[in-house]
């Protein structure tokens, strides 16, 4: 669903505000020409979303991005994405009017989010104690279990607390047994990598490692390096093999990952109020937009190629049913 922008007066008002904003912020080319708003239309992919198409007059996308914060204030909207059209003389701004900016709800009922999540190979969830991180991971596992046929889920819960209800399943590993769980999952990864059977790769397997930082910190150097190497290999090469990795961590510090491995997460979910260092580390291009105060279960999600958006984890009405769905997937 989207909103149409057909009123001539509405388009004229947008155009006037647009011209004022660009002149006020000196966004122009070397000849002193300002970009011109060509059209405003509804974005079919996003409720209340709008697409502003612009004659850019040679002004680059990076120049638009550099002034994004000022433009958002002047135009009273949120800029979700900026891209160059196939015709390089045109640029598109994907925006949401400020009055319609609401957190995206992460739930089984949000079809758009479900479709997006089920395509993502790897996800990193970051949040301090009390941020709702473990609850969010349960909801994400429930979506995988419900919407990906024959998915097999392995849960490695280092503190053996948030997911202890699955202790009686064959694919649960807790505390000191967690390294064995990662190794068992890695064995399947290695076999798929060697055989590369297309039919076998179609059967999705998901590995959740919760409290990953505590796990790595508790190992001696040799064991930690071995675990980090296995995780890195799966992050780098697991996508085409149907192997997916979810990691829950309180702080995604660089020493917990092999070089370049952390960059392989196609989605990062940051819950609660992250520290300045964590925002810089994980959301560097968007850290200035992360200025909302977040309650439990609220935060920001960055999806590669789609930018950042504020999110909220939906309260599940039947949590036991959610656990049953996950439990079935953990018995495959």
Protein backbone atom coordinates (compact mmCIF):
# COMPACT_ATOMS: atom_id res chain seq x y z
CA UNK A 1 0.00 0.00 0.00
CA UNK A 2 1.20 3.52 -0.79
CA UNK A 3 -0.26 6.99 -0.92
CA UNK A 4 -0.82 8.67 -4.25
CA UNK A 5 0.39 12.19 -4.92
CA UNK A 6 -1.86 13.44 -7.67
CA UNK A 7 -2.86 16.92 -6.52
CA UNK A 8 -1.31 19.65 -8.65
CA UNK A 9 -1.25 22.02 -5.67
CA UNK A 10 0.52 19.36 -3.55
CA UNK A 11 3.19 18.89 -6.20
CA UNK A 12 3.66 22.64 -6.50
CA UNK A 13 4.00 22.99 -2.71
CA UNK A 14 6.60 20.21 -2.62
CA UNK A 15 8.48 21.81 -5.50
CA UNK A 16 8.55 25.20 -3.78
CA UNK A 17 9.77 23.75 -0.49
CA UNK A 18 12.33 21.69 -2.38
CA UNK A 19 13.78 24.70 -4.21
CA UNK A 20 13.95 26.72 -1.00
CA UNK A 21 15.72 23.88 0.83
CA UNK A 22 18.37 23.43 -1.85
CA UNK A 23 19.07 27.12 -2.20
CA UNK A 24 19.27 27.56 1.57
CA UNK A 25 21.81 24.72 1.78
CA UNK A 26 23.77 25.73 -1.35
CA UNK A 27 23.27 22.43 -3.14
CA UNK A 28 24.19 23.33 -6.72
CA UNK A 29 26.55 22.42 -9.54
CA UNK A 30 29.70 24.24 -10.62
CA UNK A 31 27.62 26.49 -12.90
CA UNK A 32 25.42 27.60 -10.01
CA UNK A 33 22.38 25.57 -11.16
CA UNK A 34 20.14 24.02 -8.51
CA UNK A 35 18.51 20.56 -8.81
CA UNK A 36 14.86 20.60 -9.90
CA UNK A 37 12.03 18.44 -8.57
CA UNK A 38 10.45 16.56 -11.50
CA UNK A 39 7.79 14.48 -9.75
CA UNK A 40 6.48 13.15 -6.45
CA UNK A 41 4.73 9.79 -6.34
CA UNK A 42 3.76 7.16 -3.81
CA UNK A 43 6.17 4.34 -3.06
CA UNK A 44 4.30 1.06 -3.57
CA UNK A 45 6.81 -0.78 -1.39
CA UNK A 46 6.23 1.32 1.72
CA UNK A 47 3.17 2.63 3.50
CA UNK A 48 3.23 6.46 3.41
CA UNK A 49 6.50 6.36 1.49
CA UNK A 50 7.15 8.85 -1.30
CA UNK A 51 9.60 8.92 -4.20
CA UNK A 52 10.93 12.33 -5.17
CA UNK A 53 12.51 12.25 -8.64
CA UNK A 54 14.96 15.06 -9.30
CA UNK A 55 16.81 16.56 -12.25
CA UNK A 56 20.13 16.55 -10.43
CA UNK A 57 21.95 19.04 -12.72
CA UNK A 58 25.14 17.05 -12.16
CA UNK A 59 24.98 17.16 -8.36
CA UNK A 60 26.30 13.80 -7.12
CA UNK A 61 24.54 11.36 -4.80
CA UNK A 62 27.27 11.90 -2.19
CA UNK A 63 26.54 15.66 -2.28
CA UNK A 64 22.88 14.92 -1.55
CA UNK A 65 23.91 12.54 1.24
CA UNK A 66 26.20 15.12 2.81
CA UNK A 67 23.23 17.49 3.18
CA UNK A 68 20.66 14.82 4.06
CA UNK A 69 20.24 15.89 7.69
CA UNK A 70 19.66 19.55 6.74
CA UNK A 71 17.20 18.54 4.02
CA UNK A 72 15.25 16.35 6.42
CA UNK A 73 14.82 19.31 8.76
CA UNK A 74 13.91 21.76 5.99
CA UNK A 75 11.45 19.42 4.28
CA UNK A 76 10.01 17.86 7.48
CA UNK A 77 10.58 14.30 6.33
CA UNK A 78 12.94 11.38 6.72
CA UNK A 79 15.19 10.45 3.81
CA UNK A 80 15.29 6.65 3.70
CA UNK A 81 17.43 6.18 0.62
CA UNK A 82 19.11 8.16 -2.17
CA UNK A 83 19.95 6.57 -5.51
CA UNK A 84 20.99 7.55 -9.02
CA UNK A 85 18.49 6.57 -11.73
CA UNK A 86 19.41 4.72 -14.91
CA UNK A 87 19.36 8.12 -16.53
CA UNK A 88 22.31 9.61 -14.69
CA UNK A 89 20.78 13.07 -14.94
CA UNK A 90 18.11 12.03 -12.44
CA UNK A 91 18.27 11.16 -8.75
CA UNK A 92 15.59 9.58 -6.58
CA UNK A 93 14.97 10.37 -2.93
CA UNK A 94 12.90 7.75 -1.09
CA UNK A 95 11.32 9.64 1.79
CA UNK A 96 8.70 9.39 4.54
CA UNK A 97 6.84 12.49 5.79
CA UNK A 98 7.82 13.08 9.39
CA UNK A 99 4.22 12.74 10.66
CA UNK A 100 4.12 9.17 9.33
CA UNK A 101 7.49 8.00 10.67
CA UNK A 102 6.81 5.01 12.90
CA UNK A 103 8.96 2.06 13.91
CA UNK A 104 8.71 -0.96 11.62
CA UNK A 105 7.07 -3.78 13.57
CA UNK A 106 9.03 -7.02 13.60
CA UNK A 107 6.46 -9.80 13.84
CA UNK A 108 5.14 -12.90 12.11
CA UNK A 109 2.29 -10.77 10.73
CA UNK A 110 4.48 -8.21 8.94
CA UNK A 111 4.65 -9.85 5.51
CA UNK A 112 7.19 -7.38 4.11
CA UNK A 113 9.61 -7.99 7.00
CA UNK A 114 9.08 -11.76 6.88
CA UNK A 115 9.92 -11.86 3.17
CA UNK A 116 13.02 -9.73 3.75
CA UNK A 117 14.29 -11.78 6.70
CA UNK A 118 13.82 -15.13 4.96
CA UNK A 119 16.16 -13.97 2.18
CA UNK A 120 18.93 -12.69 4.46
CA UNK A 121 21.93 -15.00 4.92
CA UNK A 122 23.37 -13.61 8.19
CA UNK A 123 22.15 -11.35 10.99
CA UNK A 124 23.86 -9.72 13.96
CA UNK A 125 21.74 -8.71 16.95
CA UNK A 126 23.35 -6.33 19.45
CA UNK A 127 21.92 -5.14 22.74
CA UNK A 128 22.77 -4.76 26.41
CA UNK A 129 21.11 -6.78 29.15
CA UNK A 130 17.45 -5.74 29.35
CA UNK A 131 17.26 -4.46 25.76
CA UNK A 132 15.04 -7.33 24.57
CA UNK A 133 17.77 -9.01 22.53
CA UNK A 134 16.96 -12.62 23.45
CA UNK A 135 13.24 -12.04 22.95
CA UNK A 136 13.95 -10.55 19.51
CA UNK A 137 16.08 -13.55 18.57
CA UNK A 138 13.22 -15.85 19.58
CA UNK A 139 10.85 -13.94 17.30
CA UNK A 140 13.34 -14.15 14.43
CA UNK A 141 13.82 -17.89 14.95
CA UNK A 142 10.05 -18.30 15.01
CA UNK A 143 9.77 -16.56 11.63
CA UNK A 144 12.40 -18.87 10.14
CA UNK A 145 10.69 -21.93 11.62
CA UNK A 146 7.24 -20.91 10.39
CA UNK A 147 8.00 -19.60 6.92
CA UNK A 148 10.97 -21.61 5.61
CA UNK A 149 9.85 -25.18 4.82
CA UNK A 150 11.99 -27.96 6.34
CA UNK A 151 14.37 -25.47 7.99
CA UNK A 152 16.64 -26.96 10.64
CA UNK A 153 17.62 -24.70 13.56
CA UNK A 154 20.60 -25.13 15.89
CA UNK A 155 20.72 -23.01 19.06
CA UNK A 156 23.97 -22.43 20.95
CA UNK A 157 23.11 -20.60 24.18
CA UNK A 158 26.33 -19.98 26.07
CA UNK A 159 24.67 -18.74 29.26
CA UNK A 160 22.07 -21.51 28.99
CA UNK A 161 19.29 -19.22 30.13
CA UNK A 162 17.41 -17.43 27.34
CA UNK A 163 16.81 -20.60 25.31
CA UNK A 164 16.96 -23.26 28.01
CA UNK A 165 13.39 -24.31 27.14
CA UNK A 166 14.84 -26.11 24.11
CA UNK A 167 17.31 -28.15 26.16
CA UNK A 168 15.54 -31.43 25.36
CA UNK A 169 15.97 -31.02 21.59
CA UNK A 170 18.84 -32.61 19.63
CA UNK A 171 20.03 -29.26 18.23
CA UNK A 172 20.43 -27.38 21.52
CA UNK A 173 23.87 -26.74 23.02
CA UNK A 174 24.41 -24.90 26.29
CA UNK A 175 27.38 -23.49 28.20
CA UNK A 176 30.52 -25.67 27.81
CA UNK A 177 28.83 -27.72 25.08
CA UNK A 178 28.41 -24.68 22.80
CA UNK A 179 31.75 -25.19 20.95
CA UNK A 180 30.57 -28.71 20.08
CA UNK A 181 27.36 -27.28 18.64
CA UNK A 182 29.28 -24.85 16.46
CA UNK A 183 31.59 -27.64 15.31
CA UNK A 184 28.63 -29.90 14.46
CA UNK A 185 27.05 -27.14 12.38
CA UNK A 186 30.42 -26.41 10.76
CA UNK A 187 30.76 -30.07 9.80
CA UNK A 188 27.57 -29.79 7.74
CA UNK A 189 28.90 -26.56 6.23
CA UNK A 190 32.19 -28.26 5.29
CA UNK A 191 30.41 -31.21 3.68
CA UNK A 192 28.17 -28.92 1.65
CA UNK A 193 31.18 -26.86 0.60
CA UNK A 194 33.00 -29.97 -0.58
CA UNK A 195 30.10 -31.73 -2.30
CA UNK A 196 28.14 -28.63 -3.46
CA UNK A 197 24.94 -30.60 -4.01
CA UNK A 198 22.30 -28.16 -5.25
CA UNK A 199 19.43 -30.18 -3.82
CA UNK A 200 21.07 -30.48 -0.38
CA UNK A 201 21.83 -26.75 -0.36
CA UNK A 202 18.14 -25.95 -0.78
CA UNK A 203 17.45 -27.23 2.75
CA UNK A 204 18.14 -24.19 4.92
CA UNK A 205 20.02 -24.62 8.18
CA UNK A 206 20.17 -21.81 10.74
CA UNK A 207 22.71 -21.44 13.54
CA UNK A 208 22.02 -19.09 16.45
CA UNK A 209 24.91 -18.29 18.79
CA UNK A 210 23.68 -16.21 21.73
CA UNK A 211 26.09 -14.43 24.09
CA UNK A 212 28.81 -14.87 21.49
CA UNK A 213 31.12 -12.31 23.11
CA UNK A 214 31.00 -14.11 26.46
CA UNK A 215 31.69 -17.41 24.69
CA UNK A 216 34.79 -16.13 22.88
CA UNK A 217 36.05 -14.36 26.00
CA UNK A 218 35.87 -17.57 28.03
CA UNK A 219 38.08 -19.60 25.65
CA UNK A 220 41.85 -19.85 25.61
CA UNK A 221 43.52 -18.27 22.58
CA UNK A 222 43.70 -21.45 20.50
CA UNK A 223 40.06 -22.42 21.10
CA UNK A 224 38.86 -18.84 20.53
CA UNK A 225 40.74 -18.59 17.24
CA UNK A 226 39.28 -21.91 16.10
CA UNK A 227 35.72 -20.78 16.83
CA UNK A 228 36.25 -17.38 15.22
CA UNK A 229 37.69 -19.06 12.10
CA UNK A 230 34.69 -21.38 11.77
CA UNK A 231 32.25 -18.52 12.21
CA UNK A 232 34.16 -16.39 9.70
CA UNK A 233 34.16 -19.13 7.08
CA UNK A 234 30.41 -19.65 7.45
CA UNK A 235 29.76 -15.91 7.24
CA UNK A 236 31.89 -15.60 4.09
CA UNK A 237 30.74 -18.72 2.23
CA UNK A 238 27.54 -20.04 3.79
CA UNK A 239 25.01 -18.12 1.73
CA UNK A 240 25.10 -20.24 -1.43
CA UNK A 241 25.16 -23.40 0.68
CA UNK A 242 21.93 -22.66 2.56
CA UNK A 243 23.80 -22.14 5.85
CA UNK A 244 22.76 -19.07 7.84
CA UNK A 245 24.27 -17.57 10.97
CA UNK A 246 22.54 -15.42 13.61
CA UNK A 247 24.66 -14.02 16.41
CA UNK A 248 23.45 -12.33 19.57
CA UNK A 249 26.00 -10.25 21.47
CA UNK A 250 26.02 -7.44 24.01
CA UNK A 251 28.95 -5.71 22.29
CA UNK A 252 30.11 -6.51 18.76
CA UNK A 253 33.76 -5.73 19.46
CA UNK A 254 36.23 -6.38 16.65
CA UNK A 255 38.33 -8.83 18.69
CA UNK A 256 35.42 -11.29 18.62
CA UNK A 257 35.63 -11.68 14.84
CA UNK A 258 38.27 -12.51 12.26
CA UNK A 259 39.24 -9.62 9.99
CA UNK A 260 36.40 -8.78 7.62
CA UNK A 261 33.97 -11.31 9.09
CA UNK A 262 31.78 -8.76 10.85
CA UNK A 263 31.22 -7.00 7.52
CA UNK A 264 29.50 -10.12 6.16
CA UNK A 265 26.34 -9.56 8.20
CA UNK A 266 23.71 -8.46 5.70
CA UNK A 267 21.54 -7.19 8.56
CA UNK A 268 22.37 -5.65 11.93
CA UNK A 269 19.70 -5.25 14.60
CA UNK A 270 20.69 -2.85 17.38
CA UNK A 271 18.31 -2.82 20.36
CA UNK A 272 18.08 -0.35 23.20
CA UNK A 273 20.31 2.69 23.41
CA UNK A 274 23.65 1.64 21.97
CA UNK A 275 26.81 3.37 23.07
CA UNK A 276 28.46 5.97 20.86
CA UNK A 277 31.25 3.48 20.12
CA UNK A 278 28.84 0.76 19.03
CA UNK A 279 26.91 3.16 16.79
CA UNK A 280 30.17 4.25 15.17
CA UNK A 281 31.36 0.67 14.81
CA UNK A 282 28.18 -0.86 13.37
CA UNK A 283 26.16 2.00 11.91
CA UNK A 284 28.84 4.54 10.98
CA UNK A 285 27.03 5.92 7.91
CA UNK A 286 23.77 6.34 9.83
CA UNK A 287 24.85 7.09 13.40
CA UNK A 288 23.58 10.68 13.22
CA UNK A 289 20.07 9.40 12.48
CA UNK A 290 19.99 7.21 15.58
CA UNK A 291 18.74 9.85 17.97
CA UNK A 292 15.51 8.30 19.30
CA UNK A 293 15.29 7.00 22.86
CA UNK A 294 14.50 3.29 22.76
CA UNK A 295 12.47 1.25 25.22
CA UNK A 296 12.81 -2.52 25.62
CA UNK A 297 12.41 -4.19 22.24
CA UNK A 298 12.99 -0.99 20.26
CA UNK A 299 16.00 -0.02 18.20
CA UNK A 300 17.37 0.24 14.68
CA UNK A 301 17.86 -2.26 11.89
CA UNK A 302 20.36 -1.83 9.07
CA UNK A 303 19.85 -4.01 6.01
CA UNK A 304 22.57 -3.96 3.39
CA UNK A 305 21.46 -1.96 0.36
CA UNK A 306 18.27 -0.70 2.00
CA UNK A 307 19.55 1.64 4.69
CA UNK A 308 18.49 1.95 8.30
CA UNK A 309 15.07 2.09 9.93
CA UNK A 310 13.72 2.22 13.42
CA UNK A 311 12.10 -1.03 14.56
CA UNK A 312 10.06 -2.47 17.38
CA UNK A 313 9.69 -6.14 18.32
CA UNK A 314 6.03 -7.09 18.51
CA UNK A 315 4.70 -8.66 21.70
CA UNK A 316 3.76 -12.27 20.94
CA UNK A 317 0.25 -13.23 22.02
CA UNK A 318 1.07 -16.94 22.26
CA UNK A 319 4.71 -17.39 23.19
CA UNK A 320 4.31 -21.12 23.86
CA UNK A 321 3.07 -21.64 20.33
CA UNK A 322 6.15 -19.74 19.08
CA UNK A 323 8.40 -22.04 21.12
CA UNK A 324 6.63 -25.14 19.76
CA UNK A 325 7.28 -23.97 16.21
CA UNK A 326 10.97 -23.42 16.96
CA UNK A 327 11.20 -26.74 18.81
CA UNK A 328 9.94 -28.63 15.76
CA UNK A 329 12.63 -26.99 13.60
CA UNK A 330 15.27 -27.93 16.19
CA UNK A 331 14.33 -31.60 15.89
CA UNK A 332 15.11 -31.79 12.16
